Amino acid sequence: MAQTPEAKVKKKVKDYLTARGIYFTMPFTAGFGANGVPDILVCYQGKFIAIECKANGKKPTALQGEHMKRIQRGGGTAVVVDERNVDTMLEGLFDDTDDGRC
């Protein structure tokens, strides 16, 4: 079965983080958690980073955008990545010279 463009972006992000030993989790709400939480939550060098993965040209929903604003107001980083910017975004967020400890 072929992956969706968004699933490919998620896989690329997960593979990147896993290869570098960076802690992350992917919340699965299934009616029990908060809807609109970004796809991937990361702890890196003491920083909270939320990554919302999208297919090209897609924007976060209003609810996703609100979560991202709240994360930023709390001092975290919240970004949207897609097929066009995933590589440069990851390189910009994560310094390969560090071991990824939170």
PDB file of N, CA and C in Angstrom:
ATOM      1  N   MET A   1       0.838  -1.183   0.000  1.00  0.00           N
ATOM      2  CA  MET A   1       0.000   0.000   0.000  1.00  0.00           C
ATOM      3  C   MET A   1       0.885   1.250   0.000  1.00  0.00           C
ATOM      4  N   ALA A   2       0.577   2.178  -0.860  1.00  0.00           N
ATOM      5  CA  ALA A   2       1.368   3.397  -0.982  1.00  0.00           C
ATOM      6  C   ALA A   2       1.097   4.337   0.194  1.00  0.00           C
ATOM      7  N   GLN A   3       2.150   5.022   0.631  1.00  0.00           N
ATOM      8  CA  GLN A   3       2.005   5.989   1.709  1.00  0.00           C
ATOM      9  C   GLN A   3       1.475   7.307   1.168  1.00  0.00           C
ATOM     10  N   THR A   4       0.702   7.993   2.001  1.00  0.00           N
ATOM     11  CA  THR A   4       0.258   9.333   1.636  1.00  0.00           C
ATOM     12  C   THR A   4       1.450  10.281   1.729  1.00  0.00           C
ATOM     13  N   PRO A   5       1.369  11.446   1.070  1.00  0.00           N
ATOM     14  CA  PRO A   5       2.467  12.417   1.192  1.00  0.00           C
ATOM     15  C   PRO A   5       2.733  12.799   2.658  1.00  0.00           C
ATOM     16  N   GLU A   6       1.683  12.967   3.451  1.00  0.00           N
ATOM     17  CA  GLU A   6       1.863  13.313   4.864  1.00  0.00           C
ATOM     18  C   GLU A   6       2.552  12.181   5.623  1.00  0.00           C
ATOM     19  N   ALA A   7       2.181  10.946   5.335  1.00  0.00           N
ATOM     20  CA  ALA A   7       2.815   9.798   5.999  1.00  0.00           C
ATOM     21  C   ALA A   7       4.297   9.720   5.654  1.00  0.00           C
ATOM     22  N   LYS A   8       4.650  10.077   4.422  1.00  0.00           N
ATOM     23  CA  LYS A   8       6.067  10.087   4.022  1.00  0.00           C
ATOM     24  C   LYS A   8       6.846  11.136   4.814  1.00  0.00           C
ATOM     25  N   VAL A   9       6.231  12.295   5.036  1.00  0.00           N
ATOM     26  CA  VAL A   9       6.885  13.348   5.818  1.00  0.00           C
ATOM     27  C   VAL A   9       7.061  12.879   7.255  1.00  0.00           C
ATOM     28  N   LYS A  10       6.022  12.286   7.839  1.00  0.00           N
ATOM     29  CA  LYS A  10       6.122  11.766   9.210  1.00  0.00           C
ATOM     30  C   LYS A  10       7.247  10.736   9.318  1.00  0.00           C
ATOM     31  N   LYS A  11       7.330   9.841   8.354  1.00  0.00           N
ATOM     32  CA  LYS A  11       8.370   8.814   8.379  1.00  0.00           C
ATOM     33  C   LYS A  11       9.754   9.437   8.303  1.00  0.00           C
ATOM     34  N   LYS A  12       9.906  10.418   7.447  1.00  0.00           N
ATOM     35  CA  LYS A  12      11.204  11.079   7.307  1.00  0.00           C
ATOM     36  C   LYS A  12      11.617  11.744   8.623  1.00  0.00           C
ATOM     37  N   VAL A  13      10.668  12.421   9.284  1.00  0.00           N
ATOM     38  CA  VAL A  13      10.958  13.072  10.561  1.00  0.00           C
ATOM     39  C   VAL A  13      11.304  12.019  11.611  1.00  0.00           C
ATOM     40  N   LYS A  14      10.492  10.963  11.713  1.00  0.00           N
ATOM     41  CA  LYS A  14      10.746   9.900  12.698  1.00  0.00           C
ATOM     42  C   LYS A  14      12.109   9.245  12.462  1.00  0.00           C
ATOM     43  N   ASP A  15      12.435   8.949  11.216  1.00  0.00           N
ATOM     44  CA  ASP A  15      13.715   8.325  10.894  1.00  0.00           C
ATOM     45  C   ASP A  15      14.878   9.236  11.285  1.00  0.00           C
ATOM     46  N   TYR A  16      14.746  10.522  10.999  1.00  0.00           N
ATOM     47  CA  TYR A  16      15.783  11.501  11.333  1.00  0.00           C
ATOM     48  C   TYR A  16      16.006  11.537  12.844  1.00  0.00           C
ATOM     49  N   LEU A  17      14.923  11.663  13.607  1.00  0.00           N
ATOM     50  CA  LEU A  17      15.024  11.748  15.066  1.00  0.00           C
ATOM     51  C   LEU A  17      15.572  10.451  15.665  1.00  0.00           C
ATOM     52  N   THR A  18      15.081   9.323  15.182  1.00  0.00           N
ATOM     53  CA  THR A  18      15.532   8.019  15.683  1.00  0.00           C
ATOM     54  C   THR A  18      17.023   7.823  15.424  1.00  0.00           C
ATOM     55  N   ALA A  19      17.479   8.155  14.233  1.00  0.00           N
ATOM     56  CA  ALA A  19      18.891   7.977  13.878  1.00  0.00           C
ATOM     57  C   ALA A  19      19.810   8.802  14.769  1.00  0.00           C
ATOM     58  N   ARG A  20      19.301   9.904  15.299  1.00  0.00           N
ATOM     59  CA  ARG A  20      20.116  10.783  16.144  1.00  0.00           C
ATOM     60  C   ARG A  20      19.862  10.578  17.634  1.00  0.00           C
ATOM     61  N   GLY A  21      19.008   9.628  17.960  1.00  0.00           N
ATOM     62  CA  GLY A  21      18.729   9.340  19.365  1.00  0.00           C
ATOM     63  C   GLY A  21      17.975  10.450  20.076  1.00  0.00           C
ATOM     64  N   ILE A  22      17.226  11.226  19.333  1.00  0.00           N
ATOM     65  CA  ILE A  22      16.469  12.339  19.904  1.00  0.00           C
ATOM     66  C   ILE A  22      15.107  11.824  20.369  1.00  0.00           C
ATOM     67  N   TYR A  23      14.738  12.172  21.613  1.00  0.00           N
ATOM     68  CA  TYR A  23      13.458  11.719  22.162  1.00  0.00           C
ATOM     69  C   TYR A  23      12.296  12.387  21.431  1.00  0.00           C
ATOM     70  N   PHE A  24      11.303  11.566  21.070  1.00  0.00           N
ATOM     71  CA  PHE A  24      10.061  12.089  20.500  1.00  0.00           C
ATOM     72  C   PHE A  24       8.934  11.118  20.800  1.00  0.00           C
ATOM     73  N   THR A  25       7.747  11.629  20.696  1.00  0.00           N
ATOM     74  CA  THR A  25       6.553  10.798  20.800  1.00  0.00           C
ATOM     75  C   THR A  25       5.523  11.326  19.820  1.00  0.00           C
ATOM     76  N   MET A  26       4.635  10.434  19.444  1.00  0.00           N
ATOM     77  CA  MET A  26       3.551  10.802  18.536  1.00  0.00           C
ATOM     78  C   MET A  26       2.234  10.543  19.260  1.00  0.00           C
ATOM     79  N   PRO A  27       1.600  11.601  19.758  1.00  0.00           N
ATOM     80  CA  PRO A  27       0.363  11.404  20.509  1.00  0.00           C
ATOM     81  C   PRO A  27      -0.745  10.822  19.632  1.00  0.00           C
ATOM     82  N   PHE A  28      -1.440   9.880  20.193  1.00  0.00           N
ATOM     83  CA  PHE A  28      -2.577   9.249  19.509  1.00  0.00           C
ATOM     84  C   PHE A  28      -3.790   9.478  20.396  1.00  0.00           C
ATOM     85  N   THR A  29      -4.669  10.368  19.988  1.00  0.00           N
ATOM     86  CA  THR A  29      -5.758  10.761  20.877  1.00  0.00           C
ATOM     87  C   THR A  29      -6.874   9.729  20.943  1.00  0.00           C
ATOM     88  N   ALA A  30      -7.340   9.238  19.828  1.00  0.00           N
ATOM     89  CA  ALA A  30      -8.415   8.235  19.770  1.00  0.00           C
ATOM     90  C   ALA A  30      -9.555   8.560  20.737  1.00  0.00           C
ATOM     91  N   GLY A  31      -9.874   9.839  20.840  1.00  0.00           N
ATOM     92  CA  GLY A  31     -10.981  10.247  21.693  1.00  0.00           C
ATOM     93  C   GLY A  31     -10.624  10.423  23.156  1.00  0.00           C
ATOM     94  N   PHE A  32      -9.370  10.120  23.530  1.00  0.00           N
ATOM     95  CA  PHE A  32      -8.967  10.213  24.929  1.00  0.00           C
ATOM     96  C   PHE A  32      -8.088  11.428  25.215  1.00  0.00           C
ATOM     97  N   GLY A  33      -7.443  11.977  24.222  1.00  0.00           N
ATOM     98  CA  GLY A  33      -6.549  13.118  24.429  1.00  0.00           C
ATOM     99  C   GLY A  33      -7.115  14.351  23.760  1.00  0.00           C
ATOM    100  N   ALA A  34      -6.299  15.375  23.672  1.00  0.00           N
ATOM    101  CA  ALA A  34      -6.716  16.632  23.064  1.00  0.00           C
ATOM    102  C   ALA A  34      -6.571  16.556  21.547  1.00  0.00           C
ATOM    103  N   ASN A  35      -7.636  16.828  20.846  1.00  0.00           N
ATOM    104  CA  ASN A  35      -7.574  16.881  19.389  1.00  0.00           C
ATOM    105  C   ASN A  35      -6.756  18.096  18.963  1.00  0.00           C
ATOM    106  N   GLY A  36      -6.088  17.999  17.827  1.00  0.00           N
ATOM    107  CA  GLY A  36      -5.338  19.111  17.276  1.00  0.00           C
ATOM    108  C   GLY A  36      -3.903  19.207  17.747  1.00  0.00           C
ATOM    109  N   VAL A  37      -3.475  18.304  18.622  1.00  0.00           N
ATOM    110  CA  VAL A  37      -2.087  18.312  19.091  1.00  0.00           C
ATOM    111  C   VAL A  37      -1.185  17.984  17.896  1.00  0.00           C
ATOM    112  N   PRO A  38      -0.043  18.677  17.766  1.00  0.00           N
ATOM    113  CA  PRO A  38       0.847  18.388  16.636  1.00  0.00           C
ATOM    114  C   PRO A  38       1.242  16.912  16.566  1.00  0.00           C
ATOM    115  N   ASP A  39       1.614  16.481  15.367  1.00  0.00           N
ATOM    116  CA  ASP A  39       1.892  15.071  15.100  1.00  0.00           C
ATOM    117  C   ASP A  39       3.043  14.493  15.913  1.00  0.00           C
ATOM    118  N   ILE A  40       4.114  15.260  16.064  1.00  0.00           N
ATOM    119  CA  ILE A  40       5.317  14.753  16.717  1.00  0.00           C
ATOM    120  C   ILE A  40       5.764  15.757  17.776  1.00  0.00           C
ATOM    121  N   LEU A  41       5.947  15.273  18.998  1.00  0.00           N
ATOM    122  CA  LEU A  41       6.414  16.101  20.106  1.00  0.00           C
ATOM    123  C   LEU A  41       7.824  15.657  20.462  1.00  0.00           C
ATOM    124  N   VAL A  42       8.736  16.621  20.573  1.00  0.00           N
ATOM    125  CA  VAL A  42      10.154  16.337  20.733  1.00  0.00           C
ATOM    126  C   VAL A  42      10.702  17.069  21.957  1.00  0.00           C
ATOM    127  N   CYS A  43      11.645  16.419  22.639  1.00  0.00           N
ATOM    128  CA  CYS A  43      12.431  17.068  23.678  1.00  0.00           C
ATOM    129  C   CYS A  43      13.876  17.023  23.208  1.00  0.00           C
ATOM    130  N   TYR A  44      14.485  18.193  23.014  1.00  0.00           N
ATOM    131  CA  TYR A  44      15.843  18.260  22.476  1.00  0.00           C
ATOM    132  C   TYR A  44      16.601  19.403  23.133  1.00  0.00           C
ATOM    133  N   GLN A  45      17.712  19.107  23.750  1.00  0.00           N
ATOM    134  CA  GLN A  45      18.559  20.097  24.416  1.00  0.00           C
ATOM    135  C   GLN A  45      17.735  20.966  25.375  1.00  0.00           C
ATOM    136  N   GLY A  46      16.825  20.336  26.097  1.00  0.00           N
ATOM    137  CA  GLY A  46      16.011  21.062  27.059  1.00  0.00           C
ATOM    138  C   GLY A  46      14.899  21.881  26.435  1.00  0.00           C
ATOM    139  N   LYS A  47      14.650  21.705  25.158  1.00  0.00           N
ATOM    140  CA  LYS A  47      13.615  22.470  24.452  1.00  0.00           C
ATOM    141  C   LYS A  47      12.457  21.560  24.062  1.00  0.00           C
ATOM    142  N   PHE A  48      11.267  22.128  24.098  1.00  0.00           N
ATOM    143  CA  PHE A  48      10.060  21.434  23.649  1.00  0.00           C
ATOM    144  C   PHE A  48       9.786  21.867  22.219  1.00  0.00           C
ATOM    145  N   ILE A  49       9.704  20.903  21.318  1.00  0.00           N
ATOM    146  CA  ILE A  49       9.478  21.185  19.904  1.00  0.00           C
ATOM    147  C   ILE A  49       8.295  20.359  19.420  1.00  0.00           C
ATOM    148  N   ALA A  50       7.343  21.021  18.791  1.00  0.00           N
ATOM    149  CA  ALA A  50       6.173  20.351  18.232  1.00  0.00           C
ATOM    150  C   ALA A  50       6.248  20.447  16.712  1.00  0.00           C
ATOM    151  N   ILE A  51       6.056  19.316  16.056  1.00  0.00           N
ATOM    152  CA  ILE A  51       6.144  19.267  14.598  1.00  0.00           C
ATOM    153  C   ILE A  51       4.810  18.787  14.035  1.00  0.00           C
ATOM    154  N   GLU A  52       4.205  19.607  13.212  1.00  0.00           N
ATOM    155  CA  GLU A  52       2.982  19.244  12.499  1.00  0.00           C
ATOM    156  C   GLU A  52       3.378  18.904  11.071  1.00  0.00           C
ATOM    157  N   CYS A  53       3.100  17.691  10.641  1.00  0.00           N
ATOM    158  CA  CYS A  53       3.467  17.214   9.309  1.00  0.00           C
ATOM    159  C   CYS A  53       2.280  17.374   8.361  1.00  0.00           C
ATOM    160  N   LYS A  54       2.554  17.895   7.190  1.00  0.00           N
ATOM    161  CA  LYS A  54       1.507  18.127   6.193  1.00  0.00           C
ATOM    162  C   LYS A  54       1.991  17.715   4.807  1.00  0.00           C
ATOM    163  N   ALA A  55       1.033  17.454   3.930  1.00  0.00           N
ATOM    164  CA  ALA A  55       1.335  17.301   2.513  1.00  0.00           C
ATOM    165  C   ALA A  55       1.560  18.709   1.959  1.00  0.00           C
ATOM    166  N   ASN A  56       2.256  18.800   0.831  1.00  0.00           N
ATOM    167  CA  ASN A  56       2.550  20.119   0.250  1.00  0.00           C
ATOM    168  C   ASN A  56       1.308  20.975   0.092  1.00  0.00           C
ATOM    169  N   GLY A  57       1.445  22.223   0.511  1.00  0.00           N
ATOM    170  CA  GLY A  57       0.368  23.184   0.337  1.00  0.00           C
ATOM    171  C   GLY A  57      -0.723  23.128   1.388  1.00  0.00           C
ATOM    172  N   LYS A  58      -0.715  22.132   2.232  1.00  0.00           N
ATOM    173  CA  LYS A  58      -1.744  22.015   3.269  1.00  0.00           C
ATOM    174  C   LYS A  58      -1.355  22.873   4.468  1.00  0.00           C
ATOM    175  N   LYS A  59      -2.345  23.449   5.106  1.00  0.00           N
ATOM    176  CA  LYS A  59      -2.148  24.290   6.275  1.00  0.00           C
ATOM    177  C   LYS A  59      -2.736  23.588   7.496  1.00  0.00           C
ATOM    178  N   PRO A  60      -2.236  23.924   8.693  1.00  0.00           N
ATOM    179  CA  PRO A  60      -2.830  23.368   9.902  1.00  0.00           C
ATOM    180  C   PRO A  60      -4.289  23.817  10.035  1.00  0.00           C
ATOM    181  N   THR A  61      -5.092  22.978  10.658  1.00  0.00           N
ATOM    182  CA  THR A  61      -6.473  23.364  10.946  1.00  0.00           C
ATOM    183  C   THR A  61      -6.459  24.468  11.999  1.00  0.00           C
ATOM    184  N   ALA A  62      -7.589  25.094  12.202  1.00  0.00           N
ATOM    185  CA  ALA A  62      -7.685  26.140  13.228  1.00  0.00           C
ATOM    186  C   ALA A  62      -7.311  25.581  14.596  1.00  0.00           C
ATOM    187  N   LEU A  63      -7.772  24.383  14.915  1.00  0.00           N
ATOM    188  CA  LEU A  63      -7.468  23.772  16.203  1.00  0.00           C
ATOM    189  C   LEU A  63      -5.972  23.455  16.322  1.00  0.00           C
ATOM    190  N   GLN A  64      -5.367  22.937  15.262  1.00  0.00           N
ATOM    191  CA  GLN A  64      -3.925  22.675  15.268  1.00  0.00           C
ATOM    192  C   GLN A  64      -3.151  23.978  15.437  1.00  0.00           C
ATOM    193  N   GLY A  65      -3.589  25.004  14.741  1.00  0.00           N
ATOM    194  CA  GLY A  65      -2.943  26.311  14.851  1.00  0.00           C
ATOM    195  C   GLY A  65      -3.018  26.862  16.266  1.00  0.00           C
ATOM    196  N   GLU A  66      -4.140  26.670  16.923  1.00  0.00           N
ATOM    197  CA  GLU A  66      -4.282  27.136  18.304  1.00  0.00           C
ATOM    198  C   GLU A  66      -3.327  26.401  19.235  1.00  0.00           C
ATOM    199  N   HIS A  67      -3.205  25.093  19.074  1.00  0.00           N
ATOM    200  CA  HIS A  67      -2.237  24.338  19.887  1.00  0.00           C
ATOM    201  C   HIS A  67      -0.817  24.858  19.648  1.00  0.00           C
ATOM    202  N   MET A  68      -0.487  25.114  18.393  1.00  0.00           N
ATOM    203  CA  MET A  68       0.858  25.587  18.068  1.00  0.00           C
ATOM    204  C   MET A  68       1.118  26.960  18.685  1.00  0.00           C
ATOM    205  N   LYS A  69       0.128  27.835  18.665  1.00  0.00           N
ATOM    206  CA  LYS A  69       0.272  29.154  19.297  1.00  0.00           C
ATOM    207  C   LYS A  69       0.478  29.015  20.800  1.00  0.00           C
ATOM    208  N   ARG A  70      -0.262  28.121  21.422  1.00  0.00           N
ATOM    209  CA  ARG A  70      -0.133  27.913  22.869  1.00  0.00           C
ATOM    210  C   ARG A  70       1.251  27.356  23.223  1.00  0.00           C
ATOM    211  N   ILE A  71       1.764  26.475  22.392  1.00  0.00           N
ATOM    212  CA  ILE A  71       3.108  25.937  22.609  1.00  0.00           C
ATOM    213  C   ILE A  71       4.131  27.067  22.526  1.00  0.00           C
ATOM    214  N   GLN A  72       4.004  27.909  21.530  1.00  0.00           N
ATOM    215  CA  GLN A  72       4.937  29.019  21.368  1.00  0.00           C
ATOM    216  C   GLN A  72       4.821  30.016  22.526  1.00  0.00           C
ATOM    217  N   ARG A  73       3.618  30.292  22.972  1.00  0.00           N
ATOM    218  CA  ARG A  73       3.440  31.192  24.120  1.00  0.00           C
ATOM    219  C   ARG A  73       4.077  30.613  25.373  1.00  0.00           C
ATOM    220  N   GLY A  74       4.124  29.298  25.471  1.00  0.00           N
ATOM    221  CA  GLY A  74       4.736  28.635  26.617  1.00  0.00           C
ATOM    222  C   GLY A  74       6.249  28.513  26.511  1.00  0.00           C
ATOM    223  N   GLY A  75       6.827  29.036  25.446  1.00  0.00           N
ATOM    224  CA  GLY A  75       8.279  29.002  25.288  1.00  0.00           C
ATOM    225  C   GLY A  75       8.787  27.877  24.406  1.00  0.00           C
ATOM    226  N   GLY A  76       7.885  27.066  23.869  1.00  0.00           N
ATOM    227  CA  GLY A  76       8.287  25.983  22.978  1.00  0.00           C
ATOM    228  C   GLY A  76       8.374  26.453  21.537  1.00  0.00           C
ATOM    229  N   THR A  77       8.760  25.539  20.694  1.00  0.00           N
ATOM    230  CA  THR A  77       8.843  25.790  19.258  1.00  0.00           C
ATOM    231  C   THR A  77       7.806  24.910  18.574  1.00  0.00           C
ATOM    232  N   ALA A  78       7.056  25.479  17.658  1.00  0.00           N
ATOM    233  CA  ALA A  78       6.058  24.723  16.898  1.00  0.00           C
ATOM    234  C   ALA A  78       6.244  25.047  15.417  1.00  0.00           C
ATOM    235  N   VAL A  79       6.414  24.003  14.607  1.00  0.00           N
ATOM    236  CA  VAL A  79       6.659  24.195  13.184  1.00  0.00           C
ATOM    237  C   VAL A  79       5.770  23.276  12.355  1.00  0.00           C
ATOM    238  N   VAL A  80       5.570  23.690  11.114  1.00  0.00           N
ATOM    239  CA  VAL A  80       4.870  22.870  10.128  1.00  0.00           C
ATOM    240  C   VAL A  80       5.901  22.439   9.101  1.00  0.00           C
ATOM    241  N   VAL A  81       5.974  21.136   8.839  1.00  0.00           N
ATOM    242  CA  VAL A  81       6.885  20.636   7.810  1.00  0.00           C
ATOM    243  C   VAL A  81       6.085  19.913   6.733  1.00  0.00           C
ATOM    244  N   ASP A  82       6.594  20.002   5.519  1.00  0.00           N
ATOM    245  CA  ASP A  82       5.996  19.261   4.408  1.00  0.00           C
ATOM    246  C   ASP A  82       7.117  18.747   3.518  1.00  0.00           C
ATOM    247  N   GLU A  83       6.766  18.173   2.391  1.00  0.00           N
ATOM    248  CA  GLU A  83       7.776  17.568   1.512  1.00  0.00           C
ATOM    249  C   GLU A  83       8.806  18.579   1.024  1.00  0.00           C
ATOM    250  N   ARG A  84       8.401  19.832   0.914  1.00  0.00           N
ATOM    251  CA  ARG A  84       9.305  20.852   0.384  1.00  0.00           C
ATOM    252  C   ARG A  84      10.320  21.347   1.404  1.00  0.00           C
ATOM    253  N   ASN A  85       9.944  21.379   2.694  1.00  0.00           N
ATOM    254  CA  ASN A  85      10.837  22.000   3.670  1.00  0.00           C
ATOM    255  C   ASN A  85      11.331  21.050   4.764  1.00  0.00           C
ATOM    256  N   VAL A  86      10.967  19.778   4.714  1.00  0.00           N
ATOM    257  CA  VAL A  86      11.282  18.873   5.811  1.00  0.00           C
ATOM    258  C   VAL A  86      12.790  18.780   6.063  1.00  0.00           C
ATOM    259  N   ASP A  87      13.594  18.671   5.033  1.00  0.00           N
ATOM    260  CA  ASP A  87      15.035  18.522   5.219  1.00  0.00           C
ATOM    261  C   ASP A  87      15.661  19.777   5.831  1.00  0.00           C
ATOM    262  N   THR A  88      15.366  20.925   5.260  1.00  0.00           N
ATOM    263  CA  THR A  88      15.958  22.159   5.788  1.00  0.00           C
ATOM    264  C   THR A  88      15.415  22.483   7.168  1.00  0.00           C
ATOM    265  N   MET A  89      14.166  22.183   7.424  1.00  0.00           N
ATOM    266  CA  MET A  89      13.582  22.446   8.743  1.00  0.00           C
ATOM    267  C   MET A  89      14.263  21.587   9.801  1.00  0.00           C
ATOM    268  N   LEU A  90      14.457  20.308   9.515  1.00  0.00           N
ATOM    269  CA  LEU A  90      15.107  19.423  10.484  1.00  0.00           C
ATOM    270  C   LEU A  90      16.541  19.865  10.749  1.00  0.00           C
ATOM    271  N   GLU A  91      17.264  20.213   9.700  1.00  0.00           N
ATOM    272  CA  GLU A  91      18.641  20.673   9.869  1.00  0.00           C
ATOM    273  C   GLU A  91      18.685  21.946  10.703  1.00  0.00           C
ATOM    274  N   GLY A  92      17.712  22.815  10.528  1.00  0.00           N
ATOM    275  CA  GLY A  92      17.674  24.067  11.279  1.00  0.00           C
ATOM    276  C   GLY A  92      17.294  23.874  12.741  1.00  0.00           C
ATOM    277  N   LEU A  93      16.470  22.886  13.023  1.00  0.00           N
ATOM    278  CA  LEU A  93      15.997  22.657  14.391  1.00  0.00           C
ATOM    279  C   LEU A  93      16.981  21.880  15.245  1.00  0.00           C
ATOM    280  N   PHE A  94      17.708  20.951  14.636  1.00  0.00           N
ATOM    281  CA  PHE A  94      18.512  20.012  15.395  1.00  0.00           C
ATOM    282  C   PHE A  94      19.982  20.112  15.012  1.00  0.00           C
ATOM    283  N   ASP A  95      20.807  20.430  15.989  1.00  0.00           N
ATOM    284  CA  ASP A  95      22.250  20.557  15.815  1.00  0.00           C
ATOM    285  C   ASP A  95      22.873  19.172  15.938  1.00  0.00           C
ATOM    286  N   ASP A  96      23.440  18.663  14.868  1.00  0.00           N
ATOM    287  CA  ASP A  96      24.010  17.316  14.861  1.00  0.00           C
ATOM    288  C   ASP A  96      25.220  17.144  15.780  1.00  0.00           C
ATOM    289  N   THR A  97      25.751  18.232  16.316  1.00  0.00           N
ATOM    290  CA  THR A  97      26.915  18.106  17.178  1.00  0.00           C
ATOM    291  C   THR A  97      26.533  17.722  18.595  1.00  0.00           C
ATOM    292  N   ASP A  98      25.236  17.728  18.919  1.00  0.00           N
ATOM    293  CA  ASP A  98      24.782  17.411  20.272  1.00  0.00           C
ATOM    294  C   ASP A  98      24.227  15.998  20.310  1.00  0.00           C
ATOM    295  N   ASP A  99      24.157  15.416  21.495  1.00  0.00           N
ATOM    296  CA  ASP A  99      23.662  14.047  21.624  1.00  0.00           C
ATOM    297  C   ASP A  99      22.155  13.979  21.785  1.00  0.00           C
ATOM    298  N   GLY A 100      21.460  15.105  21.745  1.00  0.00           N
ATOM    299  CA  GLY A 100      20.004  15.096  21.793  1.00  0.00           C
ATOM    300  C   GLY A 100      19.401  15.014  23.172  1.00  0.00           C
ATOM    301  N   ARG A 101      20.219  15.068  24.226  1.00  0.00           N
ATOM    302  CA  ARG A 101      19.656  14.975  25.580  1.00  0.00           C
ATOM    303  C   ARG A 101      18.701  16.118  25.850  1.00  0.00           C
ATOM    304  N   CYS A 102      17.665  15.791  26.583  1.00  0.00           N
ATOM    305  CA  CYS A 102      16.682  16.792  26.976  1.00  0.00           C
ATOM    306  C   CYS A 102      17.089  17.373  28.317  1.00  0.00           C
TER     307      CYS A 102
END
